[in-house]
Protein backbone atom coordinates (compact mmCIF):
# COMPACT_ATOMS: atom_id res chain seq x y z
CA UNK A 1 0.00 0.00 0.00
CA UNK A 2 1.18 3.48 -0.83
CA UNK A 3 2.16 5.41 2.33
CA UNK A 4 0.19 8.43 1.08
CA UNK A 5 -3.02 6.35 0.90
CA UNK A 6 -2.28 4.83 4.29
CA UNK A 7 -1.96 8.33 5.80
CA UNK A 8 -5.24 9.50 4.25
CA UNK A 9 -7.00 6.33 5.40
CA UNK A 10 -5.66 6.77 8.95
CA UNK A 11 -6.75 10.43 9.08
CA UNK A 12 -10.24 9.54 7.85
CA UNK A 13 -10.50 6.74 10.43
CA UNK A 14 -9.37 9.03 13.26
CA UNK A 15 -11.85 11.71 12.22
CA UNK A 16 -14.66 9.15 12.18
CA UNK A 17 -13.75 8.17 15.74
CA UNK A 18 -13.72 11.85 16.72
CA UNK A 19 -17.24 12.20 15.27
CA UNK A 20 -18.41 9.17 17.23
CA UNK A 21 -16.83 10.48 20.45
CA UNK A 22 -18.50 13.85 19.93
CA UNK A 23 -21.91 12.23 19.43
CA UNK A 24 -21.50 9.99 22.49
CA UNK A 25 -20.39 12.91 24.66
CA UNK A 26 -23.37 14.98 23.54
CA UNK A 27 -25.69 12.11 24.50
CA UNK A 28 -23.98 11.72 27.88
CA UNK A 29 -24.40 15.43 28.55
CA UNK A 30 -28.03 15.43 27.33
CA UNK A 31 -28.98 12.54 29.64
CA UNK A 32 -27.09 14.02 32.63
CA UNK A 33 -24.64 11.13 32.86
CA UNK A 34 -21.65 13.48 32.94
CA UNK A 35 -21.52 16.96 34.41
CA UNK A 36 -20.93 19.57 31.66
CA UNK A 37 -19.59 21.99 34.29
CA UNK A 38 -16.66 19.70 35.08
CA UNK A 39 -13.44 21.22 33.68
CA UNK A 40 -12.27 17.99 32.05
CA UNK A 41 -15.62 17.31 30.41
CA UNK A 42 -15.88 20.92 29.27
CA UNK A 43 -12.37 20.85 27.79
CA UNK A 44 -12.96 17.59 25.95
CA UNK A 45 -16.36 18.76 24.74
CA UNK A 46 -14.94 22.05 23.51
CA UNK A 47 -12.12 20.30 21.64
CA UNK A 48 -14.53 17.86 20.01
CA UNK A 49 -16.89 20.71 19.11
CA UNK A 50 -14.08 22.72 17.50
CA UNK A 51 -12.94 19.68 15.52
CA UNK A 52 -16.35 18.63 14.24
CA UNK A 53 -18.57 21.70 14.01
CA UNK A 54 -16.91 23.39 10.99
CA UNK A 55 -17.56 20.26 8.93
CA UNK A 56 -21.00 19.46 10.34
CA UNK A 57 -22.44 22.99 10.03
CA UNK A 58 -22.79 22.95 6.20
CA UNK A 59 -24.42 19.51 6.33
CA UNK A 60 -26.89 20.72 8.98
CA UNK A 61 -27.81 23.73 6.84
CA UNK A 62 -28.78 21.43 3.95
CA UNK A 63 -30.73 18.88 5.99
CA UNK A 64 -34.38 19.49 6.84
CA UNK A 65 -35.38 20.03 10.45
CA UNK A 66 -35.94 16.62 12.05
CA UNK A 67 -36.82 17.93 15.49
CA UNK A 68 -34.29 16.87 18.09
CA UNK A 69 -32.66 14.29 15.84
CA UNK A 70 -29.30 15.26 14.34
CA UNK A 71 -28.18 12.86 11.61
CA UNK A 72 -25.40 15.07 10.25
CA UNK A 73 -22.60 12.96 11.88
CA UNK A 74 -24.00 9.83 10.21
CA UNK A 75 -24.12 11.55 6.84
CA UNK A 76 -20.57 12.87 7.28
CA UNK A 77 -19.31 9.39 8.20
CA UNK A 78 -20.94 7.98 5.06
CA UNK A 79 -19.35 10.73 2.95
CA UNK A 80 -15.93 10.08 4.48
CA UNK A 81 -16.17 6.32 3.93
CA UNK A 82 -17.32 6.89 0.34
CA UNK A 83 -14.42 9.30 -0.30
CA UNK A 84 -11.95 6.80 1.14
CA UNK A 85 -13.25 3.95 -1.03
CA UNK A 86 -13.36 6.22 -4.09
CA UNK A 87 -9.76 7.28 -3.51
CA UNK A 88 -8.54 3.69 -3.26
CA UNK A 89 -10.61 2.63 -6.27
CA UNK A 90 -9.39 5.49 -8.43
CA UNK A 91 -5.68 5.14 -7.68
CA UNK A 92 -5.23 1.38 -7.29
PDB file of N, CA and C in Angstrom:
ATOM      1  N   UNK A   1       0.835  -1.173   0.000  1.00  0.00           N
ATOM      2  CA  UNK A   1       0.000   0.000   0.000  1.00  0.00           C
ATOM      3  C   UNK A   1       0.885   1.243   0.000  1.00  0.00           C
ATOM      4  N   UNK A   2       0.476   2.218  -0.742  1.00  0.00           N
ATOM      5  CA  UNK A   2       1.178   3.477  -0.831  1.00  0.00           C
ATOM      6  C   UNK A   2       1.088   4.195   0.520  1.00  0.00           C
ATOM      7  N   UNK A   3       2.207   4.728   1.031  1.00  0.00           N
ATOM      8  CA  UNK A   3       2.162   5.412   2.327  1.00  0.00           C
ATOM      9  C   UNK A   3       1.227   6.634   2.329  1.00  0.00           C
ATOM     10  N   UNK A   4       1.095   7.287   1.193  1.00  0.00           N
ATOM     11  CA  UNK A   4       0.189   8.426   1.084  1.00  0.00           C
ATOM     12  C   UNK A   4      -1.251   7.979   1.316  1.00  0.00           C
ATOM     13  N   UNK A   5      -1.662   6.871   0.712  1.00  0.00           N
ATOM     14  CA  UNK A   5      -3.016   6.346   0.901  1.00  0.00           C
ATOM     15  C   UNK A   5      -3.231   5.860   2.324  1.00  0.00           C
ATOM     16  N   UNK A   6      -2.186   5.271   2.903  1.00  0.00           N
ATOM     17  CA  UNK A   6      -2.279   4.832   4.290  1.00  0.00           C
ATOM     18  C   UNK A   6      -2.524   6.019   5.213  1.00  0.00           C
ATOM     19  N   UNK A   7      -1.799   7.137   4.971  1.00  0.00           N
ATOM     20  CA  UNK A   7      -1.964   8.327   5.795  1.00  0.00           C
ATOM     21  C   UNK A   7      -3.376   8.897   5.665  1.00  0.00           C
ATOM     22  N   UNK A   8      -3.887   8.984   4.458  1.00  0.00           N
ATOM     23  CA  UNK A   8      -5.241   9.496   4.252  1.00  0.00           C
ATOM     24  C   UNK A   8      -6.264   8.582   4.921  1.00  0.00           C
ATOM     25  N   UNK A   9      -6.092   7.286   4.776  1.00  0.00           N
ATOM     26  CA  UNK A   9      -7.001   6.330   5.403  1.00  0.00           C
ATOM     27  C   UNK A   9      -6.969   6.460   6.927  1.00  0.00           C
ATOM     28  N   UNK A  10      -5.799   6.625   7.500  1.00  0.00           N
ATOM     29  CA  UNK A  10      -5.665   6.774   8.945  1.00  0.00           C
ATOM     30  C   UNK A  10      -6.318   8.063   9.434  1.00  0.00           C
ATOM     31  N   UNK A  11      -6.136   9.152   8.700  1.00  0.00           N
ATOM     32  CA  UNK A  11      -6.747  10.429   9.081  1.00  0.00           C
ATOM     33  C   UNK A  11      -8.264  10.338   9.014  1.00  0.00           C
ATOM     34  N   UNK A  12      -8.790   9.707   7.973  1.00  0.00           N
ATOM     35  CA  UNK A  12     -10.243   9.543   7.854  1.00  0.00           C
ATOM     36  C   UNK A  12     -10.770   8.686   9.003  1.00  0.00           C
ATOM     37  N   UNK A  13     -10.075   7.608   9.328  1.00  0.00           N
ATOM     38  CA  UNK A  13     -10.502   6.743  10.426  1.00  0.00           C
ATOM     39  C   UNK A  13     -10.475   7.484  11.759  1.00  0.00           C
ATOM     40  N   UNK A  14      -9.437   8.251  12.010  1.00  0.00           N
ATOM     41  CA  UNK A  14      -9.368   9.027  13.256  1.00  0.00           C
ATOM     42  C   UNK A  14     -10.483  10.057  13.333  1.00  0.00           C
ATOM     43  N   UNK A  15     -10.787  10.706  12.213  1.00  0.00           N
ATOM     44  CA  UNK A  15     -11.849  11.705  12.223  1.00  0.00           C
ATOM     45  C   UNK A  15     -13.216  11.057  12.455  1.00  0.00           C
ATOM     46  N   UNK A  16     -13.409   9.874  11.923  1.00  0.00           N
ATOM     47  CA  UNK A  16     -14.658   9.151  12.181  1.00  0.00           C
ATOM     48  C   UNK A  16     -14.786   8.840  13.673  1.00  0.00           C
ATOM     49  N   UNK A  17     -13.705   8.430  14.306  1.00  0.00           N
ATOM     50  CA  UNK A  17     -13.748   8.167  15.741  1.00  0.00           C
ATOM     51  C   UNK A  17     -13.990   9.444  16.538  1.00  0.00           C
ATOM     52  N   UNK A  18     -13.459  10.570  16.065  1.00  0.00           N
ATOM     53  CA  UNK A  18     -13.720  11.851  16.722  1.00  0.00           C
ATOM     54  C   UNK A  18     -15.199  12.206  16.603  1.00  0.00           C
ATOM     55  N   UNK A  19     -15.798  11.965  15.450  1.00  0.00           N
ATOM     56  CA  UNK A  19     -17.235  12.205  15.274  1.00  0.00           C
ATOM     57  C   UNK A  19     -18.064  11.333  16.212  1.00  0.00           C
ATOM     58  N   UNK A  20     -17.686  10.077  16.341  1.00  0.00           N
ATOM     59  CA  UNK A  20     -18.406   9.166  17.229  1.00  0.00           C
ATOM     60  C   UNK A  20     -18.259   9.619  18.684  1.00  0.00           C
ATOM     61  N   UNK A  21     -17.050  10.005  19.079  1.00  0.00           N
ATOM     62  CA  UNK A  21     -16.827  10.476  20.453  1.00  0.00           C
ATOM     63  C   UNK A  21     -17.633  11.740  20.730  1.00  0.00           C
ATOM     64  N   UNK A  22     -17.714  12.621  19.762  1.00  0.00           N
ATOM     65  CA  UNK A  22     -18.496  13.845  19.927  1.00  0.00           C
ATOM     66  C   UNK A  22     -19.984  13.535  20.099  1.00  0.00           C
ATOM     67  N   UNK A  23     -20.499  12.607  19.312  1.00  0.00           N
ATOM     68  CA  UNK A  23     -21.910  12.231  19.431  1.00  0.00           C
ATOM     69  C   UNK A  23     -22.189  11.567  20.780  1.00  0.00           C
ATOM     70  N   UNK A  24     -21.312  10.674  21.200  1.00  0.00           N
ATOM     71  CA  UNK A  24     -21.503   9.988  22.486  1.00  0.00           C
ATOM     72  C   UNK A  24     -21.431  10.983  23.642  1.00  0.00           C
ATOM     73  N   UNK A  25     -20.485  11.912  23.592  1.00  0.00           N
ATOM     74  CA  UNK A  25     -20.389  12.909  24.662  1.00  0.00           C
ATOM     75  C   UNK A  25     -21.625  13.796  24.697  1.00  0.00           C
ATOM     76  N   UNK A  26     -22.155  14.154  23.539  1.00  0.00           N
ATOM     77  CA  UNK A  26     -23.367  14.981  23.540  1.00  0.00           C
ATOM     78  C   UNK A  26     -24.551  14.219  24.140  1.00  0.00           C
ATOM     79  N   UNK A  27     -24.623  12.916  23.887  1.00  0.00           N
ATOM     80  CA  UNK A  27     -25.691  12.112  24.502  1.00  0.00           C
ATOM     81  C   UNK A  27     -25.501  12.021  26.009  1.00  0.00           C
ATOM     82  N   UNK A  28     -24.257  11.809  26.445  1.00  0.00           N
ATOM     83  CA  UNK A  28     -23.983  11.719  27.884  1.00  0.00           C
ATOM     84  C   UNK A  28     -24.320  13.017  28.595  1.00  0.00           C
ATOM     85  N   UNK A  29     -24.056  14.140  27.962  1.00  0.00           N
ATOM     86  CA  UNK A  29     -24.401  15.432  28.552  1.00  0.00           C
ATOM     87  C   UNK A  29     -25.916  15.627  28.540  1.00  0.00           C
ATOM     88  N   UNK A  30     -26.581  15.245  27.445  1.00  0.00           N
ATOM     89  CA  UNK A  30     -28.027  15.430  27.333  1.00  0.00           C
ATOM     90  C   UNK A  30     -28.790  14.601  28.360  1.00  0.00           C
ATOM     91  N   UNK A  31     -28.298  13.407  28.687  1.00  0.00           N
ATOM     92  CA  UNK A  31     -28.977  12.536  29.639  1.00  0.00           C
ATOM     93  C   UNK A  31     -28.428  12.672  31.056  1.00  0.00           C
ATOM     94  N   UNK A  32     -27.648  13.715  31.306  1.00  0.00           N
ATOM     95  CA  UNK A  32     -27.088  14.019  32.627  1.00  0.00           C
ATOM     96  C   UNK A  32     -26.259  12.880  33.211  1.00  0.00           C
ATOM     97  N   UNK A  33     -25.538  12.180  32.365  1.00  0.00           N
ATOM     98  CA  UNK A  33     -24.642  11.134  32.858  1.00  0.00           C
ATOM     99  C   UNK A  33     -23.325  11.756  33.305  1.00  0.00           C
ATOM    100  N   UNK A  34     -22.857  12.750  32.550  1.00  0.00           N
ATOM    101  CA  UNK A  34     -21.649  13.479  32.940  1.00  0.00           C
ATOM    102  C   UNK A  34     -22.029  14.925  33.197  1.00  0.00           C
ATOM    103  N   UNK A  35     -21.266  15.570  34.033  1.00  0.00           N
ATOM    104  CA  UNK A  35     -21.520  16.959  34.408  1.00  0.00           C
ATOM    105  C   UNK A  35     -20.832  17.878  33.407  1.00  0.00           C
ATOM    106  N   UNK A  36     -21.575  18.684  32.637  1.00  0.00           N
ATOM    107  CA  UNK A  36     -20.933  19.566  31.659  1.00  0.00           C
ATOM    108  C   UNK A  36     -20.157  20.718  32.304  1.00  0.00           C
ATOM    109  N   UNK A  37     -20.319  20.932  33.602  1.00  0.00           N
ATOM    110  CA  UNK A  37     -19.587  21.992  34.288  1.00  0.00           C
ATOM    111  C   UNK A  37     -18.245  21.519  34.837  1.00  0.00           C
ATOM    112  N   UNK A  38     -17.960  20.238  34.704  1.00  0.00           N
ATOM    113  CA  UNK A  38     -16.658  19.703  35.081  1.00  0.00           C
ATOM    114  C   UNK A  38     -15.622  20.214  34.078  1.00  0.00           C
ATOM    115  N   UNK A  39     -14.460  20.643  34.564  1.00  0.00           N
ATOM    116  CA  UNK A  39     -13.444  21.219  33.683  1.00  0.00           C
ATOM    117  C   UNK A  39     -12.951  20.236  32.632  1.00  0.00           C
ATOM    118  N   UNK A  40     -12.756  18.987  33.003  1.00  0.00           N
ATOM    119  CA  UNK A  40     -12.269  17.989  32.051  1.00  0.00           C
ATOM    120  C   UNK A  40     -13.306  17.732  30.964  1.00  0.00           C
ATOM    121  N   UNK A  41     -14.545  17.552  31.374  1.00  0.00           N
ATOM    122  CA  UNK A  41     -15.623  17.307  30.405  1.00  0.00           C
ATOM    123  C   UNK A  41     -15.796  18.514  29.496  1.00  0.00           C
ATOM    124  N   UNK A  42     -15.735  19.709  30.072  1.00  0.00           N
ATOM    125  CA  UNK A  42     -15.882  20.921  29.273  1.00  0.00           C
ATOM    126  C   UNK A  42     -14.739  21.063  28.270  1.00  0.00           C
ATOM    127  N   UNK A  43     -13.519  20.753  28.679  1.00  0.00           N
ATOM    128  CA  UNK A  43     -12.368  20.849  27.786  1.00  0.00           C
ATOM    129  C   UNK A  43     -12.468  19.845  26.647  1.00  0.00           C
ATOM    130  N   UNK A  44     -12.816  18.614  26.979  1.00  0.00           N
ATOM    131  CA  UNK A  44     -12.961  17.586  25.953  1.00  0.00           C
ATOM    132  C   UNK A  44     -14.108  17.941  25.010  1.00  0.00           C
ATOM    133  N   UNK A  45     -15.227  18.382  25.561  1.00  0.00           N
ATOM    134  CA  UNK A  45     -16.364  18.764  24.739  1.00  0.00           C
ATOM    135  C   UNK A  45     -16.053  19.928  23.820  1.00  0.00           C
ATOM    136  N   UNK A  46     -15.320  20.908  24.333  1.00  0.00           N
ATOM    137  CA  UNK A  46     -14.944  22.055  23.512  1.00  0.00           C
ATOM    138  C   UNK A  46     -14.002  21.644  22.386  1.00  0.00           C
ATOM    139  N   UNK A  47     -13.045  20.771  22.682  1.00  0.00           N
ATOM    140  CA  UNK A  47     -12.124  20.301  21.644  1.00  0.00           C
ATOM    141  C   UNK A  47     -12.869  19.512  20.569  1.00  0.00           C
ATOM    142  N   UNK A  48     -13.760  18.629  20.987  1.00  0.00           N
ATOM    143  CA  UNK A  48     -14.532  17.858  20.008  1.00  0.00           C
ATOM    144  C   UNK A  48     -15.443  18.764  19.187  1.00  0.00           C
ATOM    145  N   UNK A  49     -16.028  19.765  19.827  1.00  0.00           N
ATOM    146  CA  UNK A  49     -16.894  20.712  19.113  1.00  0.00           C
ATOM    147  C   UNK A  49     -16.092  21.483  18.067  1.00  0.00           C
ATOM    148  N   UNK A  50     -14.916  21.955  18.436  1.00  0.00           N
ATOM    149  CA  UNK A  50     -14.085  22.716  17.503  1.00  0.00           C
ATOM    150  C   UNK A  50     -13.570  21.857  16.355  1.00  0.00           C
ATOM    151  N   UNK A  51     -13.401  20.570  16.584  1.00  0.00           N
ATOM    152  CA  UNK A  51     -12.936  19.682  15.517  1.00  0.00           C
ATOM    153  C   UNK A  51     -14.057  19.267  14.571  1.00  0.00           C
ATOM    154  N   UNK A  52     -15.268  19.172  15.060  1.00  0.00           N
ATOM    155  CA  UNK A  52     -16.349  18.632  14.237  1.00  0.00           C
ATOM    156  C   UNK A  52     -17.314  19.677  13.696  1.00  0.00           C
ATOM    157  N   UNK A  53     -17.530  20.747  14.411  1.00  0.00           N
ATOM    158  CA  UNK A  53     -18.568  21.705  14.015  1.00  0.00           C
ATOM    159  C   UNK A  53     -18.320  22.381  12.663  1.00  0.00           C
ATOM    160  N   UNK A  54     -17.093  22.764  12.306  1.00  0.00           N
ATOM    161  CA  UNK A  54     -16.912  23.389  10.989  1.00  0.00           C
ATOM    162  C   UNK A  54     -17.290  22.483   9.813  1.00  0.00           C
ATOM    163  N   UNK A  55     -17.201  21.191  10.002  1.00  0.00           N
ATOM    164  CA  UNK A  55     -17.557  20.261   8.929  1.00  0.00           C
ATOM    165  C   UNK A  55     -19.040  19.899   8.993  1.00  0.00           C
ATOM    166  N   UNK A  56     -19.595  19.838  10.186  1.00  0.00           N
ATOM    167  CA  UNK A  56     -21.001  19.456  10.338  1.00  0.00           C
ATOM    168  C   UNK A  56     -21.965  20.607  10.032  1.00  0.00           C
ATOM    169  N   UNK A  57     -21.547  21.840  10.229  1.00  0.00           N
ATOM    170  CA  UNK A  57     -22.439  22.992  10.033  1.00  0.00           C
ATOM    171  C   UNK A  57     -23.004  23.068   8.614  1.00  0.00           C
ATOM    172  N   UNK A  58     -22.196  22.908   7.546  1.00  0.00           N
ATOM    173  CA  UNK A  58     -22.786  22.954   6.195  1.00  0.00           C
ATOM    174  C   UNK A  58     -23.768  21.810   5.929  1.00  0.00           C
ATOM    175  N   UNK A  59     -23.505  20.650   6.511  1.00  0.00           N
ATOM    176  CA  UNK A  59     -24.419  19.513   6.333  1.00  0.00           C
ATOM    177  C   UNK A  59     -25.734  19.802   7.041  1.00  0.00           C
ATOM    178  N   UNK A  60     -25.677  20.387   8.237  1.00  0.00           N
ATOM    179  CA  UNK A  60     -26.893  20.721   8.978  1.00  0.00           C
ATOM    180  C   UNK A  60     -27.726  21.773   8.259  1.00  0.00           C
ATOM    181  N   UNK A  61     -27.055  22.686   7.539  1.00  0.00           N
ATOM    182  CA  UNK A  61     -27.808  23.732   6.840  1.00  0.00           C
ATOM    183  C   UNK A  61     -28.572  23.174   5.641  1.00  0.00           C
ATOM    184  N   UNK A  62     -28.118  22.048   5.096  1.00  0.00           N
ATOM    185  CA  UNK A  62     -28.782  21.434   3.947  1.00  0.00           C
ATOM    186  C   UNK A  62     -29.910  20.504   4.387  1.00  0.00           C
ATOM    187  N   UNK A  63     -29.735  19.840   5.516  1.00  0.00           N
ATOM    188  CA  UNK A  63     -30.728  18.876   5.988  1.00  0.00           C
ATOM    189  C   UNK A  63     -32.004  19.560   6.467  1.00  0.00           C
ATOM    190  N   UNK A  64     -33.140  18.913   6.289  1.00  0.00           N
ATOM    191  CA  UNK A  64     -34.375  19.485   6.842  1.00  0.00           C
ATOM    192  C   UNK A  64     -34.401  19.331   8.367  1.00  0.00           C
ATOM    193  N   UNK A  65     -35.242  20.096   9.011  1.00  0.00           N
ATOM    194  CA  UNK A  65     -35.377  20.031  10.454  1.00  0.00           C
ATOM    195  C   UNK A  65     -36.073  18.723  10.835  1.00  0.00           C
ATOM    196  N   UNK A  66     -35.388  17.899  11.614  1.00  0.00           N
ATOM    197  CA  UNK A  66     -35.936  16.619  12.047  1.00  0.00           C
ATOM    198  C   UNK A  66     -36.282  16.639  13.530  1.00  0.00           C
ATOM    199  N   UNK A  67     -36.523  17.811  14.058  1.00  0.00           N
ATOM    200  CA  UNK A  67     -36.818  17.930  15.486  1.00  0.00           C
ATOM    201  C   UNK A  67     -35.537  17.868  16.286  1.00  0.00           C
ATOM    202  N   UNK A  68     -35.481  17.010  17.263  1.00  0.00           N
ATOM    203  CA  UNK A  68     -34.294  16.873  18.093  1.00  0.00           C
ATOM    204  C   UNK A  68     -33.279  15.884  17.564  1.00  0.00           C
ATOM    205  N   UNK A  69     -33.542  15.309  16.408  1.00  0.00           N
ATOM    206  CA  UNK A  69     -32.661  14.294  15.844  1.00  0.00           C
ATOM    207  C   UNK A  69     -31.649  14.936  14.905  1.00  0.00           C
ATOM    208  N   UNK A  70     -30.366  14.719  15.173  1.00  0.00           N
ATOM    209  CA  UNK A  70     -29.298  15.261  14.338  1.00  0.00           C
ATOM    210  C   UNK A  70     -28.590  14.098  13.650  1.00  0.00           C
ATOM    211  N   UNK A  71     -28.805  13.959  12.351  1.00  0.00           N
ATOM    212  CA  UNK A  71     -28.179  12.862  11.613  1.00  0.00           C
ATOM    213  C   UNK A  71     -26.974  13.327  10.808  1.00  0.00           C
ATOM    214  N   UNK A  72     -26.544  14.562  11.014  1.00  0.00           N
ATOM    215  CA  UNK A  72     -25.404  15.071  10.255  1.00  0.00           C
ATOM    216  C   UNK A  72     -24.112  14.280  10.505  1.00  0.00           C
ATOM    217  N   UNK A  73     -23.808  13.785  11.728  1.00  0.00           N
ATOM    218  CA  UNK A  73     -22.602  12.963  11.878  1.00  0.00           C
ATOM    219  C   UNK A  73     -22.672  11.663  11.066  1.00  0.00           C
ATOM    220  N   UNK A  74     -23.856  11.072  10.983  1.00  0.00           N
ATOM    221  CA  UNK A  74     -24.002   9.834  10.210  1.00  0.00           C
ATOM    222  C   UNK A  74     -23.754  10.110   8.728  1.00  0.00           C
ATOM    223  N   UNK A  75     -24.306  11.205   8.242  1.00  0.00           N
ATOM    224  CA  UNK A  75     -24.118  11.550   6.838  1.00  0.00           C
ATOM    225  C   UNK A  75     -22.654  11.862   6.562  1.00  0.00           C
ATOM    226  N   UNK A  76     -21.987  12.573   7.467  1.00  0.00           N
ATOM    227  CA  UNK A  76     -20.565  12.869   7.281  1.00  0.00           C
ATOM    228  C   UNK A  76     -19.724  11.602   7.304  1.00  0.00           C
ATOM    229  N   UNK A  77     -20.050  10.661   8.170  1.00  0.00           N
ATOM    230  CA  UNK A  77     -19.309   9.388   8.200  1.00  0.00           C
ATOM    231  C   UNK A  77     -19.488   8.644   6.882  1.00  0.00           C
ATOM    232  N   UNK A  78     -20.702   8.626   6.360  1.00  0.00           N
ATOM    233  CA  UNK A  78     -20.936   7.978   5.065  1.00  0.00           C
ATOM    234  C   UNK A  78     -20.159   8.671   3.949  1.00  0.00           C
ATOM    235  N   UNK A  79     -20.113   9.985   3.966  1.00  0.00           N
ATOM    236  CA  UNK A  79     -19.353  10.728   2.951  1.00  0.00           C
ATOM    237  C   UNK A  79     -17.867  10.419   3.067  1.00  0.00           C
ATOM    238  N   UNK A  80     -17.345  10.384   4.288  1.00  0.00           N
ATOM    239  CA  UNK A  80     -15.927  10.083   4.481  1.00  0.00           C
ATOM    240  C   UNK A  80     -15.582   8.665   4.026  1.00  0.00           C
ATOM    241  N   UNK A  81     -16.429   7.700   4.355  1.00  0.00           N
ATOM    242  CA  UNK A  81     -16.171   6.325   3.925  1.00  0.00           C
ATOM    243  C   UNK A  81     -16.248   6.200   2.409  1.00  0.00           C
ATOM    244  N   UNK A  82     -17.214   6.902   1.800  1.00  0.00           N
ATOM    245  CA  UNK A  82     -17.316   6.885   0.340  1.00  0.00           C
ATOM    246  C   UNK A  82     -16.078   7.517  -0.296  1.00  0.00           C
ATOM    247  N   UNK A  83     -15.617   8.642   0.248  1.00  0.00           N
ATOM    248  CA  UNK A  83     -14.423   9.298  -0.299  1.00  0.00           C
ATOM    249  C   UNK A  83     -13.194   8.417  -0.170  1.00  0.00           C
ATOM    250  N   UNK A  84     -13.090   7.705   0.948  1.00  0.00           N
ATOM    251  CA  UNK A  84     -11.950   6.799   1.142  1.00  0.00           C
ATOM    252  C   UNK A  84     -11.982   5.658   0.130  1.00  0.00           C
ATOM    253  N   UNK A  85     -13.140   5.046  -0.055  1.00  0.00           N
ATOM    254  CA  UNK A  85     -13.254   3.953  -1.029  1.00  0.00           C
ATOM    255  C   UNK A  85     -13.026   4.449  -2.452  1.00  0.00           C
ATOM    256  N   UNK A  86     -13.537   5.637  -2.770  1.00  0.00           N
ATOM    257  CA  UNK A  86     -13.360   6.218  -4.093  1.00  0.00           C
ATOM    258  C   UNK A  86     -11.887   6.505  -4.372  1.00  0.00           C
ATOM    259  N   UNK A  87     -11.183   6.989  -3.364  1.00  0.00           N
ATOM    260  CA  UNK A  87      -9.761   7.276  -3.514  1.00  0.00           C
ATOM    261  C   UNK A  87      -8.985   5.997  -3.795  1.00  0.00           C
ATOM    262  N   UNK A  88      -9.249   4.951  -3.040  1.00  0.00           N
ATOM    263  CA  UNK A  88      -8.544   3.695  -3.260  1.00  0.00           C
ATOM    264  C   UNK A  88      -8.930   3.056  -4.589  1.00  0.00           C
ATOM    265  N   UNK A  89     -10.167   3.196  -4.990  1.00  0.00           N
ATOM    266  CA  UNK A  89     -10.611   2.629  -6.267  1.00  0.00           C
ATOM    267  C   UNK A  89      -9.979   3.375  -7.439  1.00  0.00           C
ATOM    268  N   UNK A  90      -9.882   4.685  -7.327  1.00  0.00           N
ATOM    269  CA  UNK A  90      -9.388   5.492  -8.433  1.00  0.00           C
ATOM    270  C   UNK A  90      -7.884   5.357  -8.629  1.00  0.00           C
ATOM    271  N   UNK A  91      -7.139   5.144  -7.561  1.00  0.00           N
ATOM    272  CA  UNK A  91      -5.684   5.141  -7.679  1.00  0.00           C
ATOM    273  C   UNK A  91      -5.041   3.775  -7.492  1.00  0.00           C
ATOM    274  N   UNK A  92      -5.815   2.725  -7.400  1.00  0.00           N
ATOM    275  CA  UNK A  92      -5.225   1.379  -7.291  1.00  0.00           C
ATOM    276  C   UNK A  92      -5.500   0.573  -8.502  1.00  0.00           C
TER     277      UNK A  92
END
